[in-house]
Protein backbone atom coordinates (compact mmCIF):
# COMPACT_ATOMS: atom_id res chain seq x y z
CA UNK A 1 0.00 0.00 0.00
CA UNK A 2 1.32 3.41 -0.94
CA UNK A 3 0.68 6.77 0.62
CA UNK A 4 0.72 10.07 -1.27
CA UNK A 5 0.03 13.69 -0.37
CA UNK A 6 -2.70 15.62 -2.17
CA UNK A 7 -0.23 17.97 -3.91
CA UNK A 8 1.84 15.10 -5.32
CA UNK A 9 -1.34 13.23 -6.26
CA UNK A 10 -2.57 16.23 -8.27
CA UNK A 11 0.70 16.38 -10.18
CA UNK A 12 0.93 12.63 -10.86
CA UNK A 13 -2.71 11.52 -10.84
CA UNK A 14 -2.40 9.28 -13.92
CA UNK A 15 0.47 7.35 -12.33
CA UNK A 16 -1.47 6.65 -9.15
CA UNK A 17 -4.65 5.73 -11.02
CA UNK A 18 -2.63 3.18 -13.01
CA UNK A 19 -1.29 1.72 -9.76
CA UNK A 20 -4.84 1.35 -8.43
CA UNK A 21 -5.92 -0.21 -11.73
CA UNK A 22 -3.17 -2.82 -11.33
CA UNK A 23 -4.47 -3.76 -7.88
CA UNK A 24 -2.58 -1.52 -5.48
CA UNK A 25 -4.32 0.60 -2.85
CA UNK A 26 -3.10 4.20 -2.61
CA UNK A 27 -3.82 6.22 0.53
CA UNK A 28 -4.26 9.96 0.00
CA UNK A 29 -3.04 12.12 2.87
CA UNK A 30 -3.52 15.74 3.85
CA UNK A 31 -0.90 17.00 6.33
CA UNK A 32 -0.07 13.43 7.35
CA UNK A 33 -3.71 12.36 7.92
CA UNK A 34 -5.34 9.78 5.60
CA UNK A 35 -8.36 11.42 3.92
CA UNK A 36 -9.11 9.05 1.02
CA UNK A 37 -8.05 5.86 -0.72
CA UNK A 38 -7.70 4.94 -4.36
CA UNK A 39 -8.60 1.27 -4.58
CA UNK A 40 -8.74 -1.19 -7.48
CA UNK A 41 -12.15 -1.62 -9.09
CA UNK A 42 -14.11 -4.68 -7.98
CA UNK A 43 -13.81 -7.74 -10.19
CA UNK A 44 -16.77 -8.10 -12.55
CA UNK A 45 -19.22 -10.65 -11.22
CA UNK A 46 -20.96 -13.11 -13.50
CA UNK A 47 -24.71 -12.87 -13.10
CA UNK A 48 -27.12 -15.69 -13.72
CA UNK A 49 -29.89 -15.11 -16.25
CA UNK A 50 -32.44 -14.96 -13.43
CA UNK A 51 -30.40 -12.33 -11.53
CA UNK A 52 -29.88 -10.31 -14.72
CA UNK A 53 -33.61 -10.26 -15.51
CA UNK A 54 -34.51 -9.36 -11.91
CA UNK A 55 -32.05 -6.44 -11.94
CA UNK A 56 -33.27 -5.23 -15.34
CA UNK A 57 -36.87 -5.30 -14.09
CA UNK A 58 -35.90 -3.34 -10.94
CA UNK A 59 -34.18 -0.73 -13.09
CA UNK A 60 -37.27 -0.43 -15.27
CA UNK A 61 -35.59 -1.62 -18.47
CA UNK A 62 -38.53 -3.94 -19.12
CA UNK A 63 -41.81 -4.96 -17.57
CA UNK A 64 -42.11 -8.63 -16.61
CA UNK A 65 -44.90 -10.66 -18.14
CA UNK A 66 -48.15 -10.42 -16.20
CA UNK A 67 -48.92 -14.09 -16.83
CA UNK A 68 -45.55 -15.90 -17.05
CA UNK A 69 -45.07 -19.56 -17.68
CA UNK A 70 -47.90 -20.13 -20.14
CA UNK A 71 -45.55 -20.23 -23.12
CA UNK A 72 -46.37 -19.20 -26.63
CA UNK A 73 -49.82 -19.86 -28.08
CA UNK A 74 -50.04 -22.83 -30.42
CA UNK A 75 -49.00 -22.03 -33.95
CA UNK A 76 -51.82 -22.48 -36.41
CA UNK A 77 -51.14 -22.92 -40.10
CA UNK A 78 -51.80 -19.77 -42.10
CA UNK A 79 -54.55 -20.36 -44.64
CA UNK A 80 -53.80 -19.26 -48.17
CA UNK A 81 -51.33 -20.06 -50.86
CA UNK A 82 -48.75 -22.80 -50.86
CA UNK A 83 -45.13 -21.81 -51.31
CA UNK A 84 -45.18 -22.73 -54.99
CA UNK A 85 -48.35 -20.69 -55.57
CA UNK A 86 -46.91 -17.74 -53.69
CA UNK A 87 -43.67 -17.79 -55.70
CA UNK A 88 -45.61 -18.06 -58.98
CA UNK A 89 -47.79 -15.09 -57.98
CA UNK A 90 -44.67 -13.10 -57.05
CA UNK A 91 -43.05 -13.86 -60.42
CA UNK A 92 -46.20 -12.73 -62.22
CA UNK A 93 -46.32 -9.51 -60.22
CA UNK A 94 -42.69 -8.76 -61.08
CA UNK A 95 -43.09 -9.64 -64.75
CA UNK A 96 -44.64 -6.29 -65.64
CA UNK A 97 -41.63 -4.36 -64.28
CA UNK A 98 -38.92 -3.19 -66.64
CA UNK A 99 -35.76 -4.77 -65.33
CA UNK A 100 -32.38 -3.62 -66.72
C-alpha atoms as a PDB file:
ATOM      1  CA  UNK A   1       0.000   0.000   0.000  1.00  0.00           C
ATOM      2  CA  UNK A   2       1.321   3.412  -0.944  1.00  0.00           C
ATOM      3  CA  UNK A   3       0.681   6.771   0.622  1.00  0.00           C
ATOM      4  CA  UNK A   4       0.724  10.070  -1.268  1.00  0.00           C
ATOM      5  CA  UNK A   5       0.028  13.687  -0.367  1.00  0.00           C
ATOM      6  CA  UNK A   6      -2.700  15.621  -2.169  1.00  0.00           C
ATOM      7  CA  UNK A   7      -0.231  17.971  -3.908  1.00  0.00           C
ATOM      8  CA  UNK A   8       1.837  15.101  -5.319  1.00  0.00           C
ATOM      9  CA  UNK A   9      -1.339  13.228  -6.261  1.00  0.00           C
ATOM     10  CA  UNK A  10      -2.572  16.230  -8.270  1.00  0.00           C
ATOM     11  CA  UNK A  11       0.697  16.381 -10.181  1.00  0.00           C
ATOM     12  CA  UNK A  12       0.935  12.630 -10.858  1.00  0.00           C
ATOM     13  CA  UNK A  13      -2.714  11.521 -10.842  1.00  0.00           C
ATOM     14  CA  UNK A  14      -2.403   9.279 -13.916  1.00  0.00           C
ATOM     15  CA  UNK A  15       0.470   7.351 -12.335  1.00  0.00           C
ATOM     16  CA  UNK A  16      -1.469   6.646  -9.146  1.00  0.00           C
ATOM     17  CA  UNK A  17      -4.646   5.727 -11.022  1.00  0.00           C
ATOM     18  CA  UNK A  18      -2.628   3.176 -13.014  1.00  0.00           C
ATOM     19  CA  UNK A  19      -1.290   1.717  -9.755  1.00  0.00           C
ATOM     20  CA  UNK A  20      -4.840   1.346  -8.433  1.00  0.00           C
ATOM     21  CA  UNK A  21      -5.919  -0.205 -11.731  1.00  0.00           C
ATOM     22  CA  UNK A  22      -3.173  -2.820 -11.333  1.00  0.00           C
ATOM     23  CA  UNK A  23      -4.467  -3.758  -7.884  1.00  0.00           C
ATOM     24  CA  UNK A  24      -2.582  -1.521  -5.479  1.00  0.00           C
ATOM     25  CA  UNK A  25      -4.323   0.604  -2.846  1.00  0.00           C
ATOM     26  CA  UNK A  26      -3.104   4.198  -2.606  1.00  0.00           C
ATOM     27  CA  UNK A  27      -3.818   6.222   0.530  1.00  0.00           C
ATOM     28  CA  UNK A  28      -4.257   9.957   0.000  1.00  0.00           C
ATOM     29  CA  UNK A  29      -3.035  12.124   2.868  1.00  0.00           C
ATOM     30  CA  UNK A  30      -3.516  15.743   3.852  1.00  0.00           C
ATOM     31  CA  UNK A  31      -0.900  17.003   6.328  1.00  0.00           C
ATOM     32  CA  UNK A  32      -0.074  13.433   7.352  1.00  0.00           C
ATOM     33  CA  UNK A  33      -3.708  12.360   7.918  1.00  0.00           C
ATOM     34  CA  UNK A  34      -5.345   9.783   5.596  1.00  0.00           C
ATOM     35  CA  UNK A  35      -8.359  11.421   3.923  1.00  0.00           C
ATOM     36  CA  UNK A  36      -9.107   9.054   1.024  1.00  0.00           C
ATOM     37  CA  UNK A  37      -8.048   5.862  -0.716  1.00  0.00           C
ATOM     38  CA  UNK A  38      -7.702   4.939  -4.355  1.00  0.00           C
ATOM     39  CA  UNK A  39      -8.599   1.271  -4.582  1.00  0.00           C
ATOM     40  CA  UNK A  40      -8.743  -1.193  -7.480  1.00  0.00           C
ATOM     41  CA  UNK A  41     -12.149  -1.621  -9.092  1.00  0.00           C
ATOM     42  CA  UNK A  42     -14.107  -4.683  -7.984  1.00  0.00           C
ATOM     43  CA  UNK A  43     -13.808  -7.742 -10.192  1.00  0.00           C
ATOM     44  CA  UNK A  44     -16.766  -8.103 -12.552  1.00  0.00           C
ATOM     45  CA  UNK A  45     -19.219 -10.650 -11.222  1.00  0.00           C
ATOM     46  CA  UNK A  46     -20.958 -13.111 -13.503  1.00  0.00           C
ATOM     47  CA  UNK A  47     -24.713 -12.868 -13.102  1.00  0.00           C
ATOM     48  CA  UNK A  48     -27.117 -15.693 -13.721  1.00  0.00           C
ATOM     49  CA  UNK A  49     -29.886 -15.113 -16.246  1.00  0.00           C
ATOM     50  CA  UNK A  50     -32.437 -14.964 -13.432  1.00  0.00           C
ATOM     51  CA  UNK A  51     -30.402 -12.334 -11.530  1.00  0.00           C
ATOM     52  CA  UNK A  52     -29.885 -10.313 -14.722  1.00  0.00           C
ATOM     53  CA  UNK A  53     -33.606 -10.256 -15.506  1.00  0.00           C
ATOM     54  CA  UNK A  54     -34.506  -9.356 -11.906  1.00  0.00           C
ATOM     55  CA  UNK A  55     -32.049  -6.441 -11.941  1.00  0.00           C
ATOM     56  CA  UNK A  56     -33.266  -5.227 -15.337  1.00  0.00           C
ATOM     57  CA  UNK A  57     -36.873  -5.296 -14.085  1.00  0.00           C
ATOM     58  CA  UNK A  58     -35.901  -3.343 -10.938  1.00  0.00           C
ATOM     59  CA  UNK A  59     -34.182  -0.728 -13.085  1.00  0.00           C
ATOM     60  CA  UNK A  60     -37.271  -0.430 -15.267  1.00  0.00           C
ATOM     61  CA  UNK A  61     -35.593  -1.622 -18.471  1.00  0.00           C
ATOM     62  CA  UNK A  62     -38.528  -3.936 -19.124  1.00  0.00           C
ATOM     63  CA  UNK A  63     -41.814  -4.962 -17.572  1.00  0.00           C
ATOM     64  CA  UNK A  64     -42.108  -8.627 -16.607  1.00  0.00           C
ATOM     65  CA  UNK A  65     -44.904 -10.662 -18.137  1.00  0.00           C
ATOM     66  CA  UNK A  66     -48.150 -10.415 -16.204  1.00  0.00           C
ATOM     67  CA  UNK A  67     -48.924 -14.094 -16.834  1.00  0.00           C
ATOM     68  CA  UNK A  68     -45.553 -15.897 -17.054  1.00  0.00           C
ATOM     69  CA  UNK A  69     -45.073 -19.561 -17.677  1.00  0.00           C
ATOM     70  CA  UNK A  70     -47.903 -20.126 -20.136  1.00  0.00           C
ATOM     71  CA  UNK A  71     -45.549 -20.233 -23.117  1.00  0.00           C
ATOM     72  CA  UNK A  72     -46.373 -19.199 -26.631  1.00  0.00           C
ATOM     73  CA  UNK A  73     -49.818 -19.856 -28.080  1.00  0.00           C
ATOM     74  CA  UNK A  74     -50.037 -22.832 -30.421  1.00  0.00           C
ATOM     75  CA  UNK A  75     -49.001 -22.030 -33.949  1.00  0.00           C
ATOM     76  CA  UNK A  76     -51.822 -22.482 -36.411  1.00  0.00           C
ATOM     77  CA  UNK A  77     -51.141 -22.921 -40.101  1.00  0.00           C
ATOM     78  CA  UNK A  78     -51.804 -19.766 -42.100  1.00  0.00           C
ATOM     79  CA  UNK A  79     -54.550 -20.360 -44.637  1.00  0.00           C
ATOM     80  CA  UNK A  80     -53.805 -19.259 -48.171  1.00  0.00           C
ATOM     81  CA  UNK A  81     -51.332 -20.056 -50.861  1.00  0.00           C
ATOM     82  CA  UNK A  82     -48.753 -22.805 -50.857  1.00  0.00           C
ATOM     83  CA  UNK A  83     -45.127 -21.806 -51.312  1.00  0.00           C
ATOM     84  CA  UNK A  84     -45.177 -22.725 -54.987  1.00  0.00           C
ATOM     85  CA  UNK A  85     -48.345 -20.688 -55.565  1.00  0.00           C
ATOM     86  CA  UNK A  86     -46.908 -17.735 -53.689  1.00  0.00           C
ATOM     87  CA  UNK A  87     -43.672 -17.788 -55.704  1.00  0.00           C
ATOM     88  CA  UNK A  88     -45.610 -18.056 -58.982  1.00  0.00           C
ATOM     89  CA  UNK A  89     -47.787 -15.092 -57.983  1.00  0.00           C
ATOM     90  CA  UNK A  90     -44.674 -13.096 -57.049  1.00  0.00           C
ATOM     91  CA  UNK A  91     -43.045 -13.859 -60.417  1.00  0.00           C
ATOM     92  CA  UNK A  92     -46.202 -12.729 -62.221  1.00  0.00           C
ATOM     93  CA  UNK A  93     -46.320  -9.505 -60.221  1.00  0.00           C
ATOM     94  CA  UNK A  94     -42.693  -8.756 -61.077  1.00  0.00           C
ATOM     95  CA  UNK A  95     -43.090  -9.642 -64.750  1.00  0.00           C
ATOM     96  CA  UNK A  96     -44.641  -6.286 -65.640  1.00  0.00           C
ATOM     97  CA  UNK A  97     -41.631  -4.364 -64.276  1.00  0.00           C
ATOM     98  CA  UNK A  98     -38.921  -3.190 -66.635  1.00  0.00           C
ATOM     99  CA  UNK A  99     -35.757  -4.770 -65.328  1.00  0.00           C
ATOM    100  CA  UNK A 100     -32.385  -3.625 -66.721  1.00  0.00           C
END
